[in-house]
Amino acid sequence: MAATATENLKDLPKVAPDFKSELEGFKTDSMKKADTQEKIVLPSAEDVKAEKNQQAILKGVEGFDSKKLKPTETEEKNTLPGKDEIENEKGHLALVEGIEGFNPKNLKPTETLEKNPLPTKEVIEQEKTA
């Protein structure tokens, strides 16, 4: 038994001598008293039930047999626009190009004429006297 004790001592890590003397001279009386409280939070019944449901779902997914699926064919529907839609879009594009390419220099100069002139002072006086 002495051989195994010396072998165990050789395997232990070495401690610095000043630290070793400090550890040996340490007095536990100088330590403060502290109450230890063991805090173990147990899961509630709802938590356990939710975890069981989660595990059941995972087992169902893992154990799924894809051989039970029915073969299906997918239909890809590529709806191309009809003639009416194409014509409407061409008309819209032509309108947009006309607006974007508008040149205001091509406009003819015009003179604005006022067609509803205000009454003169004499006309206002005649209406007041009448």
Protein backbone atom coordinates (compact mmCIF):
# COMPACT_ATOMS: atom_id res chain seq x y z
CA MET A 1 0.00 0.00 0.00
CA ALA A 2 2.90 2.34 0.61
CA ALA A 3 3.96 2.00 -3.02
CA THR A 4 0.58 3.21 -4.30
CA ALA A 5 0.59 6.16 -1.88
CA THR A 6 3.99 7.33 -3.13
CA GLU A 7 2.90 6.84 -6.73
CA ASN A 8 -0.19 8.97 -6.04
CA LEU A 9 1.96 11.70 -4.47
CA LYS A 10 4.17 11.80 -7.55
CA ASP A 11 1.11 12.29 -9.76
CA LEU A 12 -0.23 15.23 -7.73
CA PRO A 13 0.56 18.77 -8.93
CA LYS A 14 3.36 20.63 -7.13
CA VAL A 15 2.47 23.63 -4.94
CA ALA A 16 4.81 26.57 -4.36
CA PRO A 17 6.36 26.49 -0.83
CA ASP A 18 5.12 29.95 0.20
CA PHE A 19 1.61 29.08 -0.90
CA LYS A 20 1.82 25.73 0.90
CA SER A 21 2.81 27.39 4.19
CA GLU A 22 -0.02 29.90 3.79
CA LEU A 23 -2.50 27.07 3.28
CA GLU A 24 -1.20 25.16 6.29
CA GLY A 25 -1.39 28.25 8.51
CA PHE A 26 -4.91 29.20 7.43
CA LYS A 27 -7.39 29.47 10.32
CA THR A 28 -11.01 28.77 9.55
CA ASP A 29 -12.07 30.75 12.65
CA SER A 30 -11.38 34.02 10.79
CA MET A 31 -13.99 33.22 8.12
CA LYS A 32 -17.46 34.78 8.22
CA LYS A 33 -20.43 32.57 8.90
CA ALA A 34 -22.73 32.14 5.92
CA ASP A 35 -25.94 30.22 5.55
CA THR A 36 -26.00 28.03 2.50
CA GLN A 37 -29.29 27.69 0.72
CA GLU A 38 -29.84 24.96 -1.75
CA LYS A 39 -31.91 26.26 -4.61
CA ILE A 40 -33.34 23.48 -6.71
CA VAL A 41 -36.06 24.57 -9.07
CA LEU A 42 -38.11 21.63 -10.18
CA PRO A 43 -40.12 21.90 -13.40
CA SER A 44 -43.85 22.31 -13.08
CA ALA A 45 -46.35 19.71 -14.29
CA GLU A 46 -47.07 21.90 -17.33
CA ASP A 47 -43.36 22.01 -18.22
CA VAL A 48 -43.09 18.22 -17.98
CA LYS A 49 -46.21 17.77 -20.10
CA ALA A 50 -44.95 20.21 -22.75
CA GLU A 51 -41.59 18.43 -22.90
CA LYS A 52 -43.30 15.04 -23.29
CA ASN A 53 -45.39 16.44 -26.15
CA GLN A 54 -42.24 17.81 -27.79
CA GLN A 55 -40.49 14.45 -27.48
CA ALA A 56 -43.53 12.64 -28.89
CA ILE A 57 -43.53 14.95 -31.92
CA LEU A 58 -39.81 14.38 -32.47
CA LYS A 59 -40.23 10.60 -32.23
CA GLY A 60 -43.10 10.80 -34.73
CA VAL A 61 -40.95 12.74 -37.18
CA GLU A 62 -37.95 10.46 -36.72
CA GLY A 63 -40.04 7.31 -37.14
CA PHE A 64 -41.95 8.58 -40.19
CA ASP A 65 -42.09 6.09 -43.06
CA SER A 66 -42.02 7.89 -46.39
CA LYS A 67 -43.12 4.69 -48.18
CA LYS A 68 -46.67 5.31 -46.93
CA LEU A 69 -46.95 8.50 -49.00
CA LYS A 70 -48.95 8.48 -52.21
CA PRO A 71 -47.18 9.50 -55.40
CA THR A 72 -48.39 12.77 -56.88
CA GLU A 73 -47.67 14.82 -59.94
CA THR A 74 -47.25 18.54 -59.64
CA GLU A 75 -48.70 20.82 -62.26
CA GLU A 76 -46.72 23.93 -62.98
CA LYS A 77 -49.00 26.65 -64.18
CA ASN A 78 -47.16 29.32 -66.10
CA THR A 79 -49.86 31.78 -66.97
CA LEU A 80 -48.70 33.88 -69.88
CA PRO A 81 -50.49 37.15 -70.59
CA GLY A 82 -53.21 37.10 -73.25
CA LYS A 83 -53.48 39.30 -76.35
CA ASP A 84 -55.64 41.88 -74.57
CA GLU A 85 -53.17 42.22 -71.70
CA ILE A 86 -50.25 42.59 -74.14
CA GLU A 87 -52.09 45.28 -76.14
CA ASN A 88 -52.98 47.17 -72.94
CA GLU A 89 -49.36 47.07 -71.82
CA LYS A 90 -48.13 48.27 -75.24
CA GLY A 91 -50.59 51.17 -75.08
CA HIS A 92 -49.44 52.03 -71.58
CA LEU A 93 -45.77 51.89 -72.64
CA ALA A 94 -46.47 54.12 -75.63
CA LEU A 95 -48.19 56.63 -73.34
CA VAL A 96 -45.25 56.60 -70.92
CA GLU A 97 -42.76 57.06 -73.78
CA GLY A 98 -44.84 59.97 -75.12
CA ILE A 99 -44.81 61.68 -71.74
CA GLU A 100 -41.10 61.06 -71.17
CA GLY A 101 -40.15 62.19 -74.67
CA PHE A 102 -42.30 65.35 -74.62
CA ASN A 103 -40.48 68.41 -75.96
CA PRO A 104 -42.00 71.72 -74.77
CA LYS A 105 -40.16 73.60 -77.54
CA ASN A 106 -42.62 72.15 -80.05
CA LEU A 107 -45.50 74.09 -78.46
CA LYS A 108 -46.89 77.13 -80.30
CA PRO A 109 -46.78 80.44 -78.45
CA THR A 110 -50.23 81.56 -77.27
CA GLU A 111 -51.69 84.69 -75.80
CA THR A 112 -54.18 84.46 -72.97
CA LEU A 113 -57.34 86.55 -73.35
CA GLU A 114 -59.51 87.32 -70.35
CA LYS A 115 -63.10 86.56 -71.30
CA ASN A 116 -64.76 87.54 -68.04
CA PRO A 117 -63.70 91.16 -67.44
CA LEU A 118 -64.58 92.89 -64.18
CA PRO A 119 -67.31 95.56 -64.38
CA THR A 120 -66.19 99.17 -64.53
CA LYS A 121 -67.03 101.80 -61.88
CA GLU A 122 -69.84 103.23 -64.02
CA VAL A 123 -71.53 99.84 -64.36
CA ILE A 124 -71.28 99.31 -60.58
CA GLU A 125 -72.82 102.77 -59.94
CA GLN A 126 -75.69 102.08 -62.35
CA GLU A 127 -76.47 98.80 -60.59
CA LYS A 128 -76.47 100.54 -57.20
CA THR A 129 -78.92 103.23 -58.34
CA ALA A 130 -81.25 100.81 -60.02
